[in-house]
């Protein structure tokens, strides 16, 4: 999937929907305002969904990344997100285990940089908890593992399934708020399958900087999709891309600026038949010590 440097870069079907939505926005300003307030309310008619497309296209054209960010938050905290968890339950086996699980070995190789103290793993966007469960088995030396997610429904299910586990715990809410309330050296922060792509570039920079300040020595392990034409050597800024208008971030550049040292990187283009093909997955591991 290509990045959207302007609305002209959108796929033809999305441009057509945006044109229709713009017409409806002028015709039904009240509906337009309501959609903007709750863009992913599951009750929206076809007209409401077209208007949502128009709002998204306008945000791309105007470079209004904050509006895109607000729409992502509404989706993942709304009942509409159930369609993702139910429709993509296979992602653990078909995506993570098949293509991305090798990152656990790279994490294990980097753990000595965290010293001799206890190490905890924190997964942001833990969803159904399967990846966190797998890490608990793969890395038995971890003292504790925590899943943080905006979706209360999934967190409740995970808590019930692991109510007797001494190592696994699950938390609803914003990652940075949780880290501020629970700072600890020896933190391994993991993201898998597309989480940081819903944060603004400045939020990501702030998160990495504050993680280093609160939890060093620490480690970050990233598995995120990015635009397949995002040139990391020349384009350091984040750019919207893909079906969801998420952000293709230049993770190596952002982490280096936050004081992290990259210990491993991997670019993996998808193959025909894979989810969201064509797209490019970027994986990396980076470590940091406490700022002096």
Protein backbone atom coordinates (compact mmCIF):
# COMPACT_ATOMS: atom_id res chain seq x y z
CA UNK A 1 0.00 0.00 0.00
CA UNK A 2 1.25 3.42 -0.97
CA UNK A 3 1.54 6.47 1.26
CA UNK A 4 -0.83 9.41 0.74
CA UNK A 5 1.20 12.57 0.36
CA UNK A 6 -2.05 14.26 -0.77
CA UNK A 7 -5.65 13.20 -1.47
CA UNK A 8 -4.67 12.66 -5.11
CA UNK A 9 -2.71 9.59 -3.98
CA UNK A 10 -5.82 7.85 -2.61
CA UNK A 11 -7.07 4.75 -4.47
CA UNK A 12 -9.71 5.52 -7.09
CA UNK A 13 -12.56 3.93 -5.11
CA UNK A 14 -11.75 6.00 -2.03
CA UNK A 15 -11.60 9.19 -4.10
CA UNK A 16 -15.03 8.44 -5.56
CA UNK A 17 -16.49 7.76 -2.13
CA UNK A 18 -14.94 11.00 -0.85
CA UNK A 19 -16.50 12.96 -3.73
CA UNK A 20 -19.92 11.47 -2.97
CA UNK A 21 -19.41 12.12 0.74
CA UNK A 22 -18.47 15.75 0.10
CA UNK A 23 -21.74 16.24 -1.78
CA UNK A 24 -23.68 14.70 1.11
CA UNK A 25 -21.78 16.87 3.59
CA UNK A 26 -23.09 20.00 1.88
CA UNK A 27 -26.56 18.49 1.55
CA UNK A 28 -26.78 17.23 5.15
CA UNK A 29 -24.55 19.35 7.39
CA UNK A 30 -26.18 18.02 10.55
CA UNK A 31 -25.33 14.42 9.64
CA UNK A 32 -21.83 15.50 8.67
CA UNK A 33 -21.25 17.04 12.10
CA UNK A 34 -22.65 13.95 13.84
CA UNK A 35 -20.38 11.64 11.82
CA UNK A 36 -17.39 13.78 12.67
CA UNK A 37 -18.29 13.51 16.35
CA UNK A 38 -18.69 9.71 16.30
CA UNK A 39 -17.18 8.53 13.00
CA UNK A 40 -17.37 4.78 13.66
CA UNK A 41 -20.75 4.51 15.31
CA UNK A 42 -22.03 1.13 14.03
CA UNK A 43 -25.43 2.68 13.30
CA UNK A 44 -24.31 4.88 10.42
CA UNK A 45 -26.16 4.43 7.14
CA UNK A 46 -24.44 4.31 3.74
CA UNK A 47 -24.69 8.12 3.62
CA UNK A 48 -22.91 8.41 6.95
CA UNK A 49 -20.11 6.11 5.80
CA UNK A 50 -19.63 8.14 2.61
CA UNK A 51 -19.43 11.31 4.66
CA UNK A 52 -16.81 9.62 6.84
CA UNK A 53 -14.76 8.95 3.71
CA UNK A 54 -14.99 12.62 2.79
CA UNK A 55 -13.78 13.68 6.24
CA UNK A 56 -10.83 11.29 5.99
CA UNK A 57 -9.85 12.51 2.51
CA UNK A 58 -10.08 16.13 3.66
CA UNK A 59 -7.81 15.36 6.62
CA UNK A 60 -5.21 13.85 4.28
CA UNK A 61 -5.38 16.81 1.91
CA UNK A 62 -5.10 19.34 4.74
CA UNK A 63 -2.41 17.39 6.59
CA UNK A 64 -4.71 17.21 9.61
CA UNK A 65 -3.12 14.25 11.34
CA UNK A 66 -4.84 15.06 14.62
CA UNK A 67 -8.22 14.47 13.02
CA UNK A 68 -7.04 11.13 11.66
CA UNK A 69 -5.77 10.25 15.15
CA UNK A 70 -9.15 11.09 16.67
CA UNK A 71 -10.89 8.80 14.16
CA UNK A 72 -8.55 5.90 15.00
CA UNK A 73 -9.27 6.29 18.71
CA UNK A 74 -13.00 6.27 18.06
CA UNK A 75 -12.74 3.09 15.99
CA UNK A 76 -10.72 1.06 18.49
CA UNK A 77 -12.87 2.10 21.43
CA UNK A 78 -16.19 1.59 19.58
CA UNK A 79 -18.36 -1.47 19.07
CA UNK A 80 -17.41 -1.39 15.39
CA UNK A 81 -13.94 -2.73 16.25
CA UNK A 82 -15.55 -6.08 17.12
CA UNK A 83 -15.47 -6.79 13.37
CA UNK A 84 -11.68 -6.69 13.48
CA UNK A 85 -11.29 -9.05 16.44
CA UNK A 86 -13.82 -11.50 15.03
CA UNK A 87 -12.73 -11.27 11.39
CA UNK A 88 -8.98 -11.42 11.99
CA UNK A 89 -8.72 -14.01 14.76
CA UNK A 90 -6.43 -15.98 12.45
CA UNK A 91 -3.74 -13.27 12.53
CA UNK A 92 -1.84 -14.92 15.38
CA UNK A 93 -1.21 -18.10 13.40
CA UNK A 94 -1.22 -16.75 9.84
CA UNK A 95 0.70 -13.53 10.40
CA UNK A 96 2.62 -13.52 13.66
CA UNK A 97 3.70 -17.17 13.95
CA UNK A 98 4.29 -17.63 10.23
CA UNK A 99 6.17 -14.42 9.48
CA UNK A 100 7.12 -12.37 12.55
CA UNK A 101 7.76 -14.64 15.54
CA UNK A 102 11.52 -14.58 14.97
CA UNK A 103 11.57 -11.24 16.76
CA UNK A 104 11.42 -13.15 20.07
CA UNK A 105 14.93 -14.51 19.40
CA UNK A 106 16.19 -11.01 18.66
CA UNK A 107 14.64 -9.78 21.93
CA UNK A 108 16.33 -12.61 23.83
CA UNK A 109 19.69 -11.67 22.30
CA UNK A 110 19.26 -8.05 23.44
CA UNK A 111 18.07 -8.76 27.01
CA UNK A 112 21.59 -8.74 28.54
CA UNK A 113 21.68 -4.99 27.83
CA UNK A 114 18.98 -4.58 30.51
CA UNK A 115 21.25 -5.78 33.32
CA UNK A 116 20.68 -8.28 36.09
CA UNK A 117 17.39 -6.99 37.53
CA UNK A 118 13.89 -8.35 36.86
CA UNK A 119 12.54 -7.79 33.36
CA UNK A 120 8.91 -7.18 32.45
CA UNK A 121 7.36 -7.24 28.98
CA UNK A 122 4.60 -4.78 28.12
CA UNK A 123 2.59 -5.29 24.93
CA UNK A 124 0.67 -2.27 23.70
CA UNK A 125 -2.44 -3.19 21.71
CA UNK A 126 -2.53 -6.68 23.21
CA UNK A 127 -5.97 -7.46 21.73
CA UNK A 128 -7.00 -11.07 22.34
CA UNK A 129 -3.83 -11.75 24.35
CA UNK A 130 -2.51 -14.59 22.17
CA UNK A 131 0.82 -12.91 21.38
CA UNK A 132 1.40 -12.07 25.06
CA UNK A 133 0.62 -15.67 26.03
CA UNK A 134 3.13 -16.87 23.44
CA UNK A 135 5.85 -14.55 24.74
CA UNK A 136 5.24 -15.86 28.27
CA UNK A 137 6.07 -19.37 27.06
CA UNK A 138 8.88 -18.34 24.69
CA UNK A 139 10.69 -16.14 27.24
CA UNK A 140 10.22 -17.89 30.61
CA UNK A 141 12.80 -15.66 32.31
CA UNK A 142 10.52 -12.62 32.19
CA UNK A 143 9.27 -11.65 35.64
CA UNK A 144 5.90 -10.40 34.41
CA UNK A 145 3.97 -9.68 31.21
CA UNK A 146 1.38 -6.93 30.82
CA UNK A 147 -1.12 -6.30 28.03
CA UNK A 148 -2.42 -2.74 27.54
CA UNK A 149 -5.31 -2.08 25.15
CA UNK A 150 -8.06 0.50 24.60
CA UNK A 151 -10.72 -2.15 24.03
CA UNK A 152 -12.43 -2.96 27.34
CA UNK A 153 -14.23 -5.96 25.88
CA UNK A 154 -11.01 -7.73 24.90
CA UNK A 155 -9.29 -6.84 28.19
CA UNK A 156 -12.19 -8.32 30.19
CA UNK A 157 -11.95 -11.56 28.21
CA UNK A 158 -8.18 -11.76 28.74
CA UNK A 159 -8.50 -11.10 32.46
CA UNK A 160 -11.06 -13.86 32.81
CA UNK A 161 -8.95 -16.34 30.85
CA UNK A 162 -5.83 -15.58 32.91
CA UNK A 163 -7.36 -14.80 36.28
CA UNK A 164 -5.13 -17.42 37.97
CA UNK A 165 -1.90 -16.47 36.18
CA UNK A 166 0.83 -15.02 38.44
CA UNK A 167 2.75 -13.50 35.49
CA UNK A 168 0.09 -12.25 33.04
CA UNK A 169 -2.04 -9.15 33.65
CA UNK A 170 -4.16 -6.95 31.38
CA UNK A 171 -5.00 -3.26 31.57
CA UNK A 172 -7.43 -0.96 29.79
CA UNK A 173 -6.32 2.49 28.73
CA UNK A 174 -3.55 4.58 27.26
CA UNK A 175 -0.04 3.11 27.30
CA UNK A 176 1.76 6.26 28.38
CA UNK A 177 -0.66 6.82 31.26
CA UNK A 178 -0.01 3.25 32.40
CA UNK A 179 3.78 3.61 32.14
CA UNK A 180 3.67 6.84 34.14
CA UNK A 181 1.71 5.07 36.86
CA UNK A 182 3.96 1.99 36.76
CA UNK A 183 7.55 3.05 35.91
CA UNK A 184 10.14 0.30 36.18
CA UNK A 185 13.64 -0.34 34.87
CA UNK A 186 14.04 -3.44 32.77
CA UNK A 187 10.97 -2.85 30.58
CA UNK A 188 10.56 -4.52 27.19
CA UNK A 189 7.92 -2.70 25.14
CA UNK A 190 6.42 -4.77 22.33
CA UNK A 191 4.07 -3.84 19.53
CA UNK A 192 2.77 -6.34 17.02
CA UNK A 193 0.70 -6.13 13.87
CA UNK A 194 -0.05 -2.42 13.72
CA UNK A 195 -0.41 -0.33 16.88
CA UNK A 196 2.01 2.59 16.73
CA UNK A 197 0.62 3.40 13.28
CA UNK A 198 -2.40 4.94 15.05
CA UNK A 199 -0.29 7.43 17.02
CA UNK A 200 0.76 10.86 15.84
CA UNK A 201 4.44 11.28 15.08
CA UNK A 202 4.84 13.71 17.99
CA UNK A 203 3.07 11.24 20.29
CA UNK A 204 5.43 8.48 19.23
CA UNK A 205 8.47 10.68 19.80
CA UNK A 206 7.14 11.63 23.22
CA UNK A 207 6.38 8.01 24.11
CA UNK A 208 9.88 6.80 23.22
CA UNK A 209 11.52 9.70 25.06
CA UNK A 210 9.42 9.20 28.19
CA UNK A 211 9.86 5.42 28.11
CA UNK A 212 13.61 5.94 28.17
CA UNK A 213 13.28 8.36 31.10
CA UNK A 214 10.86 6.20 33.13
CA UNK A 215 11.93 2.65 32.41
CA UNK A 216 15.61 2.53 31.44
CA UNK A 217 17.42 0.37 30.81
CA UNK A 218 14.68 -0.60 28.38
CA UNK A 219 14.08 -2.29 25.06
CA UNK A 220 11.58 -1.72 22.25
CA UNK A 221 10.54 -4.43 19.79
CA UNK A 222 8.48 -3.14 16.87
CA UNK A 223 6.47 -5.08 14.28
CA UNK A 224 4.53 -2.54 12.23
CA UNK A 225 3.41 -2.17 8.64
CA UNK A 226 4.54 0.89 6.67
CA UNK A 227 3.88 2.25 3.22
CA UNK A 228 5.80 0.24 0.66
CA UNK A 229 6.99 3.46 -1.01
CA UNK A 230 7.99 5.28 2.20
CA UNK A 231 11.67 6.09 1.70
CA UNK A 232 13.23 5.95 5.18
CA UNK A 233 16.47 7.44 3.88
CA UNK A 234 14.82 10.61 2.59
CA UNK A 235 11.41 10.89 4.29
CA UNK A 236 11.77 11.10 8.06
CA UNK A 237 8.25 12.46 8.64
CA UNK A 238 5.19 10.26 9.12
CA UNK A 239 2.74 9.92 6.22
CA UNK A 240 -0.85 8.51 6.09
CA UNK A 241 -1.26 5.29 4.13
CA UNK A 242 -3.42 2.23 3.58
CA UNK A 243 -7.08 1.34 4.02
CA UNK A 244 -7.33 2.90 7.48
CA UNK A 245 -5.42 6.13 6.74
CA UNK A 246 -3.00 5.11 9.51
CA UNK A 247 0.51 6.54 9.78
CA UNK A 248 3.58 5.11 8.11
CA UNK A 249 6.28 6.11 10.62
CA UNK A 250 10.03 6.17 10.07
CA UNK A 251 10.69 4.07 13.18
CA UNK A 252 14.49 3.88 12.88
CA UNK A 253 14.82 7.67 12.64
CA UNK A 254 12.38 8.38 15.47
CA UNK A 255 14.02 5.87 17.82
CA UNK A 256 17.52 7.13 17.14
CA UNK A 257 16.42 10.70 17.87
CA UNK A 258 14.93 9.49 21.17
CA UNK A 259 18.29 8.04 22.22
CA UNK A 260 17.81 4.37 21.32
CA UNK A 261 20.40 2.13 19.70
CA UNK A 262 19.08 -0.21 17.02
CA UNK A 263 20.35 -3.77 17.42
CA UNK A 264 18.33 -5.44 14.64
CA UNK A 265 16.17 -4.41 11.67
CA UNK A 266 14.22 -6.27 9.02
CA UNK A 267 12.04 -5.16 6.09
CA UNK A 268 9.58 -7.78 4.81
CA UNK A 269 7.42 -7.06 1.73
CA UNK A 270 4.23 -9.13 1.67
CA UNK A 271 3.49 -11.77 -0.93
CA UNK A 272 0.29 -12.25 -3.00
CA UNK A 273 -2.45 -13.74 -0.85
CA UNK A 274 -1.29 -12.12 2.38
CA UNK A 275 -3.45 -9.71 4.32
CA UNK A 276 -3.34 -6.13 2.98
CA UNK A 277 -0.96 -7.06 0.14
CA UNK A 278 0.96 -5.19 -1.12
CA UNK A 279 2.45 -3.70 2.02
CA UNK A 280 5.77 -3.75 3.81
CA UNK A 281 6.35 -4.91 7.36
CA UNK A 282 9.17 -3.34 9.34
CA UNK A 283 10.57 -5.07 12.41
CA UNK A 284 13.27 -3.79 14.73
CA UNK A 285 14.74 -4.10 18.19
CA UNK A 286 16.28 -1.12 19.97
CA UNK A 287 17.72 -0.55 23.45
CA UNK A 288 18.30 2.51 25.62
CA UNK A 289 19.86 3.45 28.93
CA UNK A 290 18.62 6.18 31.24
CA UNK A 291 19.37 9.72 29.99
CA UNK A 292 22.31 11.32 31.80
